[in-house]
Protein backbone atom coordinates (compact mmCIF):
# COMPACT_ATOMS: atom_id res chain seq x y z
CA UNK A 1 14.26 -4.83 22.39
CA UNK A 2 17.75 -5.57 21.15
CA UNK A 3 18.13 -5.95 17.41
CA UNK A 4 21.29 -7.09 15.69
CA UNK A 5 22.05 -4.50 13.01
CA UNK A 6 24.34 -4.68 10.02
CA UNK A 7 24.67 -2.66 6.84
CA UNK A 8 24.39 -5.32 4.18
CA UNK A 9 25.02 -8.92 3.33
CA UNK A 10 26.39 -8.75 -0.19
CA UNK A 11 27.16 -12.34 -1.09
CA UNK A 12 25.56 -15.75 -0.95
CA UNK A 13 25.94 -17.48 2.40
CA UNK A 14 28.18 -20.48 2.68
CA UNK A 15 26.50 -23.54 1.25
CA UNK A 16 23.99 -21.59 -0.83
CA UNK A 17 24.17 -21.20 -4.59
CA UNK A 18 22.02 -19.19 -6.96
CA UNK A 19 20.91 -20.23 -10.41
CA UNK A 20 21.75 -17.81 -13.18
CA UNK A 21 18.61 -18.50 -15.21
CA UNK A 22 16.14 -20.46 -13.09
CA UNK A 23 13.13 -18.67 -14.54
CA UNK A 24 11.83 -18.93 -18.06
CA UNK A 25 11.14 -15.40 -19.25
CA UNK A 26 9.34 -14.02 -22.27
CA UNK A 27 11.09 -11.89 -24.85
CA UNK A 28 9.56 -8.44 -24.71
CA UNK A 29 9.37 -6.67 -28.04
CA UNK A 30 9.32 -2.87 -27.90
CA UNK A 31 9.54 -0.57 -30.89
CA UNK A 32 10.72 2.31 -28.71
CA UNK A 33 11.14 3.07 -24.99
CA UNK A 34 7.68 4.68 -24.96
CA UNK A 35 5.72 2.10 -26.92
CA UNK A 36 3.45 -0.43 -25.29
CA UNK A 37 5.03 -3.86 -24.77
CA UNK A 38 3.59 -6.43 -27.13
CA UNK A 39 4.41 -9.67 -25.31
CA UNK A 40 4.35 -8.71 -21.62
CA UNK A 41 1.45 -10.69 -20.14
CA UNK A 42 -0.04 -10.99 -16.66
CA UNK A 43 1.44 -13.74 -14.54
CA UNK A 44 -0.83 -15.81 -12.27
CA UNK A 45 2.11 -17.24 -10.35
CA UNK A 46 5.81 -17.82 -10.68
CA UNK A 47 6.82 -21.36 -9.64
CA UNK A 48 10.37 -22.54 -10.17
CA UNK A 49 13.30 -24.42 -8.66
CA UNK A 50 13.60 -27.20 -6.09
CA UNK A 51 14.64 -27.41 -2.46
CA UNK A 52 13.46 -25.42 0.54
CA UNK A 53 9.92 -24.07 -0.02
CA UNK A 54 9.89 -20.27 -0.39
CA UNK A 55 6.95 -17.93 -1.00
CA UNK A 56 7.63 -14.44 -2.38
CA UNK A 57 4.86 -11.87 -1.90
CA UNK A 58 4.63 -8.61 -3.84
CA UNK A 59 3.05 -5.26 -2.91
CA UNK A 60 0.99 -3.14 -5.34
CA UNK A 61 2.95 -4.84 -8.12
CA UNK A 62 3.02 -8.26 -9.79
CA UNK A 63 4.94 -11.52 -9.22
CA UNK A 64 7.17 -10.38 -12.10
CA UNK A 65 8.97 -8.03 -9.70
CA UNK A 66 10.41 -11.19 -8.10
CA UNK A 67 11.65 -12.84 -11.34
CA UNK A 68 15.36 -11.95 -10.94
CA UNK A 69 15.33 -12.93 -7.25
CA UNK A 70 13.54 -16.23 -7.96
CA UNK A 71 16.11 -17.03 -10.65
CA UNK A 72 18.90 -16.65 -8.13
CA UNK A 73 17.17 -18.74 -5.45
CA UNK A 74 15.93 -21.54 -7.68
CA UNK A 75 18.98 -23.83 -7.44
CA UNK A 76 18.45 -24.38 -3.70
CA UNK A 77 14.79 -23.42 -3.21
CA UNK A 78 11.40 -24.20 -4.66
CA UNK A 79 10.05 -20.71 -5.20
CA UNK A 80 6.37 -19.80 -5.45
CA UNK A 81 5.36 -16.18 -6.11
CA UNK A 82 1.59 -15.77 -6.59
CA UNK A 83 -0.32 -12.76 -7.88
CA UNK A 84 -2.51 -11.34 -5.15
CA UNK A 85 -6.27 -10.98 -5.48
CA UNK A 86 -7.23 -7.84 -7.39
CA UNK A 87 -3.71 -7.34 -8.70
CA UNK A 88 -2.44 -7.84 -12.25
CA UNK A 89 -2.64 -11.58 -12.95
CA UNK A 90 -4.31 -12.41 -9.63
CA UNK A 91 -7.77 -13.80 -8.80
CA UNK A 92 -10.68 -11.54 -9.63
CA UNK A 93 -11.72 -9.13 -6.89
CA UNK A 94 -15.28 -9.94 -5.84
CA UNK A 95 -15.71 -7.66 -2.84
CA UNK A 96 -15.99 -3.94 -2.16
CA UNK A 97 -13.48 -3.96 0.68
CA UNK A 98 -10.27 -5.92 0.97
CA UNK A 99 -7.87 -6.39 3.84
CA UNK A 100 -4.65 -8.19 4.70
CA UNK A 101 -6.46 -11.06 6.39
CA UNK A 102 -8.36 -11.85 3.17
CA UNK A 103 -5.15 -11.80 1.13
CA UNK A 104 -3.51 -14.07 3.70
CA UNK A 105 -6.47 -16.44 3.31
CA UNK A 106 -5.67 -16.64 -0.40
CA UNK A 107 -2.04 -17.58 0.30
CA UNK A 108 -3.16 -20.02 3.01
CA UNK A 109 -5.28 -21.86 0.46
CA UNK A 110 -2.50 -21.88 -2.12
CA UNK A 111 -0.04 -23.30 0.40
CA UNK A 112 -2.52 -26.08 1.14
CA UNK A 113 -2.80 -26.81 -2.58
CA UNK A 114 0.99 -27.06 -2.81
CA UNK A 115 1.09 -29.33 0.22
CA UNK A 116 3.26 -26.87 2.14
CA UNK A 117 2.27 -26.83 5.81
CA UNK A 118 5.02 -24.28 6.43
CA UNK A 119 7.50 -22.45 4.22
CA UNK A 120 9.96 -19.59 4.18
CA UNK A 121 8.29 -16.29 3.34
CA UNK A 122 9.73 -13.08 1.92
CA UNK A 123 7.48 -10.12 1.26
CA UNK A 124 7.83 -6.54 0.16
CA UNK A 125 5.58 -3.70 1.35
CA UNK A 126 2.02 -5.08 1.44
CA UNK A 127 3.51 -8.53 0.83
CA UNK A 128 5.58 -8.24 4.02
CA UNK A 129 2.44 -7.28 5.98
CA UNK A 130 0.76 -10.42 4.62
CA UNK A 131 3.88 -12.32 5.64
CA UNK A 132 3.48 -11.20 9.24
CA UNK A 133 -0.15 -12.36 9.18
CA UNK A 134 0.88 -15.78 7.83
CA UNK A 135 3.66 -16.02 10.42
CA UNK A 136 1.11 -15.36 13.17
CA UNK A 137 -0.93 -18.25 11.76
CA UNK A 138 2.08 -20.56 12.04
CA UNK A 139 2.75 -20.90 8.30
CA UNK A 140 6.24 -19.31 8.18
CA UNK A 141 9.53 -21.06 8.97
CA UNK A 142 11.28 -17.73 8.47
CA UNK A 143 10.10 -14.29 7.40
CA UNK A 144 12.11 -11.72 5.47
CA UNK A 145 10.13 -8.48 5.65
CA UNK A 146 11.37 -5.95 3.09
CA UNK A 147 10.18 -2.34 3.55
CA UNK A 148 7.07 -3.68 5.31
CA UNK A 149 3.75 -1.86 5.29
CA UNK A 150 1.63 -1.81 8.43
CA UNK A 151 4.06 -0.02 10.73
CA UNK A 152 1.40 2.08 12.39
CA UNK A 153 -1.16 1.99 15.17
CA UNK A 154 -4.87 2.34 14.45
CA UNK A 155 -6.03 5.04 14.38
CA UNK A 156 -2.94 7.19 13.95
CA UNK A 157 -1.55 10.06 11.94
CA UNK A 158 0.89 7.68 10.24
CA UNK A 159 -1.99 5.50 9.08
CA UNK A 160 -3.86 8.50 7.70
CA UNK A 161 -0.72 9.84 6.01
CA UNK A 162 0.03 6.62 4.11
CA UNK A 163 -3.63 6.33 3.09
CA UNK A 164 -3.65 9.86 1.69
CA UNK A 165 -0.37 9.22 -0.12
CA UNK A 166 -1.87 6.30 -2.05
CA UNK A 167 -5.22 8.02 -2.55
CA UNK A 168 -3.34 10.83 -4.28
CA UNK A 169 -2.05 8.29 -6.80
CA UNK A 170 -5.50 7.06 -7.79
CA UNK A 171 -6.32 9.96 -10.17
CA UNK A 172 -2.93 9.48 -11.84
CA UNK A 173 -3.60 5.76 -12.29
CA UNK A 174 -7.06 6.43 -13.69
CA UNK A 175 -5.67 8.99 -16.11
CA UNK A 176 -2.97 6.58 -17.22
CA UNK A 177 -5.58 4.01 -18.25
CA UNK A 178 -6.93 6.46 -20.84
CA UNK A 179 -3.61 7.63 -22.26
CA UNK A 180 -1.99 6.32 -25.40
CA UNK A 181 0.94 3.91 -24.93
CA UNK A 182 3.34 6.64 -26.00
CA UNK A 183 2.26 8.77 -23.03
CA UNK A 184 1.57 5.91 -20.64
CA UNK A 185 5.16 4.66 -20.92
CA UNK A 186 6.74 8.04 -21.57
CA UNK A 187 9.86 9.33 -19.85
CA UNK A 188 7.90 11.42 -17.27
CA UNK A 189 5.70 8.41 -16.42
CA UNK A 190 8.76 6.21 -15.99
CA UNK A 191 10.43 8.86 -13.86
CA UNK A 192 7.38 9.00 -11.58
CA UNK A 193 7.34 5.20 -11.21
CA UNK A 194 11.05 5.10 -10.46
CA UNK A 195 10.78 7.86 -7.87
CA UNK A 196 8.25 5.78 -5.93
CA UNK A 197 10.03 2.45 -6.19
CA UNK A 198 13.79 2.89 -6.42
CA UNK A 199 16.73 4.69 -4.91
CA UNK A 200 18.93 4.35 -8.00
CA UNK A 201 16.73 4.65 -11.12
CA UNK A 202 19.67 3.86 -13.41
CA UNK A 203 19.91 0.36 -11.88
CA UNK A 204 16.32 -0.60 -12.81
CA UNK A 205 15.91 -2.34 -16.21
CA UNK A 206 13.50 -0.78 -18.70
CA UNK A 207 11.41 -3.94 -18.67
CA UNK A 208 10.95 -3.71 -14.89
CA UNK A 209 9.75 -0.11 -15.14
CA UNK A 210 7.27 -1.04 -17.87
CA UNK A 211 6.02 -3.92 -15.75
CA UNK A 212 5.57 -1.70 -12.70
CA UNK A 213 3.52 0.84 -14.67
CA UNK A 214 1.39 -1.88 -16.24
CA UNK A 215 0.77 -3.51 -12.86
CA UNK A 216 -0.37 -0.19 -11.37
CA UNK A 217 -2.83 0.30 -14.22
CA UNK A 218 -4.29 -3.18 -13.64
CA UNK A 219 -4.81 -3.13 -9.87
CA UNK A 220 -8.51 -2.89 -8.97
CA UNK A 221 -7.58 -3.88 -5.40
CA UNK A 222 -5.90 -0.55 -4.68
CA UNK A 223 -8.95 1.43 -3.57
CA UNK A 224 -10.63 -1.44 -1.65
CA UNK A 225 -7.35 -2.07 0.17
CA UNK A 226 -6.92 1.59 1.02
CA UNK A 227 -10.46 1.77 2.40
CA UNK A 228 -9.95 -1.43 4.33
CA UNK A 229 -6.53 -0.32 5.51
CA UNK A 230 -7.90 2.86 7.06
CA UNK A 231 -10.05 0.67 9.30
CA UNK A 232 -7.56 -1.98 10.35
CA UNK A 233 -4.44 -1.91 12.55
CA UNK A 234 -1.02 -2.95 11.41
CA UNK A 235 0.30 -6.46 12.07
CA UNK A 236 -0.80 -7.73 15.45
CA UNK A 237 0.84 -10.39 17.62
CA UNK A 238 4.28 -8.97 16.82
CA UNK A 239 5.43 -9.22 20.44
CA UNK A 240 4.63 -12.95 20.61
CA UNK A 241 5.81 -13.92 17.13
CA UNK A 242 7.97 -17.05 17.23
CA UNK A 243 9.07 -16.95 13.58
CA UNK A 244 12.68 -15.83 12.94
CA UNK A 245 12.31 -12.40 11.31
CA UNK A 246 14.78 -10.50 9.16
CA UNK A 247 13.66 -6.89 8.83
CA UNK A 248 15.09 -5.18 5.73
CA UNK A 249 14.67 -1.43 5.56
CA UNK A 250 15.69 0.69 2.58
CA UNK A 251 17.71 3.86 2.92
CA UNK A 252 15.79 5.82 0.27
CA UNK A 253 12.29 4.47 0.91
CA UNK A 254 9.94 7.30 -0.09
CA UNK A 255 6.74 5.30 0.43
CA UNK A 256 7.21 4.18 4.03
CA UNK A 257 10.13 6.31 5.29
CA UNK A 258 12.20 4.50 7.87
CA UNK A 259 12.15 7.06 10.65
CA UNK A 260 8.38 6.90 10.93
CA UNK A 261 7.19 3.56 9.62
CA UNK A 262 9.84 1.24 11.06
CA UNK A 263 9.54 2.24 14.72
CA UNK A 264 6.62 -0.06 15.53
CA UNK A 265 8.48 -3.09 14.21
CA UNK A 266 11.62 -2.13 16.13
CA UNK A 267 9.55 -1.65 19.28
CA UNK A 268 7.40 -4.77 19.15
CA UNK A 269 9.34 -7.54 17.40
CA UNK A 270 10.95 -9.93 19.92
CA UNK A 271 14.57 -11.00 20.10
CA UNK A 272 16.28 -12.21 18.07
CA UNK A 273 15.23 -10.04 15.15
CA UNK A 274 17.79 -9.25 12.49
CA UNK A 275 17.79 -5.68 11.15
CA UNK A 276 19.35 -5.00 7.76
CA UNK A 277 19.74 -1.48 6.39
CA UNK A 278 19.95 -1.55 2.60
CA UNK A 279 22.07 1.42 1.48
CA UNK A 280 20.91 3.34 -1.58
CA UNK A 281 17.76 1.29 -2.15
CA UNK A 282 14.17 2.42 -2.61
CA UNK A 283 10.84 0.90 -1.56
CA UNK A 284 10.94 -2.01 -4.04
CA UNK A 285 14.63 -3.00 -3.91
CA UNK A 286 14.15 -6.22 -5.93
CA UNK A 287 13.97 -4.03 -9.03
CA UNK A 288 17.38 -2.43 -8.55
CA UNK A 289 19.26 -4.90 -6.34
CA UNK A 290 18.04 -8.48 -6.97
CA UNK A 291 21.44 -9.97 -6.10
CA UNK A 292 21.43 -8.34 -2.68
CA UNK A 293 17.81 -9.26 -1.94
CA UNK A 294 18.33 -12.89 -3.01
CA UNK A 295 21.43 -13.10 -0.82
CA UNK A 296 19.60 -11.70 2.20
CA UNK A 297 16.71 -14.14 1.83
CA UNK A 298 19.01 -17.12 1.24
CA UNK A 299 21.22 -16.29 4.20
CA UNK A 300 18.22 -15.97 6.52
CA UNK A 301 16.95 -19.37 5.36
CA UNK A 302 20.39 -20.97 5.66
CA UNK A 303 20.94 -19.58 9.17
CA UNK A 304 17.55 -20.82 10.33
CA UNK A 305 18.17 -24.33 8.97
CA UNK A 306 21.60 -24.43 10.60
CA UNK A 307 20.17 -23.36 13.97
CA UNK A 308 17.41 -25.99 13.77
CA UNK A 309 19.94 -28.73 13.06
CA UNK A 310 22.24 -27.51 15.83
């Protein structure tokens, strides 16, 4: 397949504006960089702005990872970022095994509650995989897939490798639950979190690192998803997908490295698929580059609307 490739879209597309403060945020009080935050609370969903309907889907994180992006989109878009089942702030997990289809069912129901038959979807990691599932169901006007999970065949060595990578984190997460706040949010813990999520740790705000650690410690869905993931293939129906897709891959992605985990998407996604390589970014680029991510999502939406009108 032929994919149009570019390095980066750095600014807002013509006709699109971003709000500077479209999201109401709490003030987080911290006595020191290693103390436990006193006002950071779980978020069931982030819902802000007006305009084109946009759903933002997180990975093993929380909707809070989308706050800076949602703020920038909110002047032209109505943004909805829900917490996934079994994740911090999300619906309670009531099953032993969990898969992408079940998480997509949750979003399906929430879209119905909002009255959105279709919407624009942007997802990161697991959230991008869910986005592909929703696109296959006809719910997506556009899809921006950022460092998507699911880029493997089943069974395959790649599938086993990613499963083992996350399984290795489970003992660390369990240990973290029993540590004091001083250790839980210590410099080594923050460094570990930043290594997994970012390419430029210095660009990630302290609050975002604290949120990422807290979300990992409150994610009962991790093990059920890993077990379910070892038994299910990656996104199907890629070759027949009719949704305009923008595939965003991150140069320093240490979770799903590009050389291995992007090939299936490059092979199977139909034309025209837009490939964006994000220089310097890690697996969760919203944390370190919200301006760039918001611009990429907005441009994809704007281009799709323009093409529909034309």
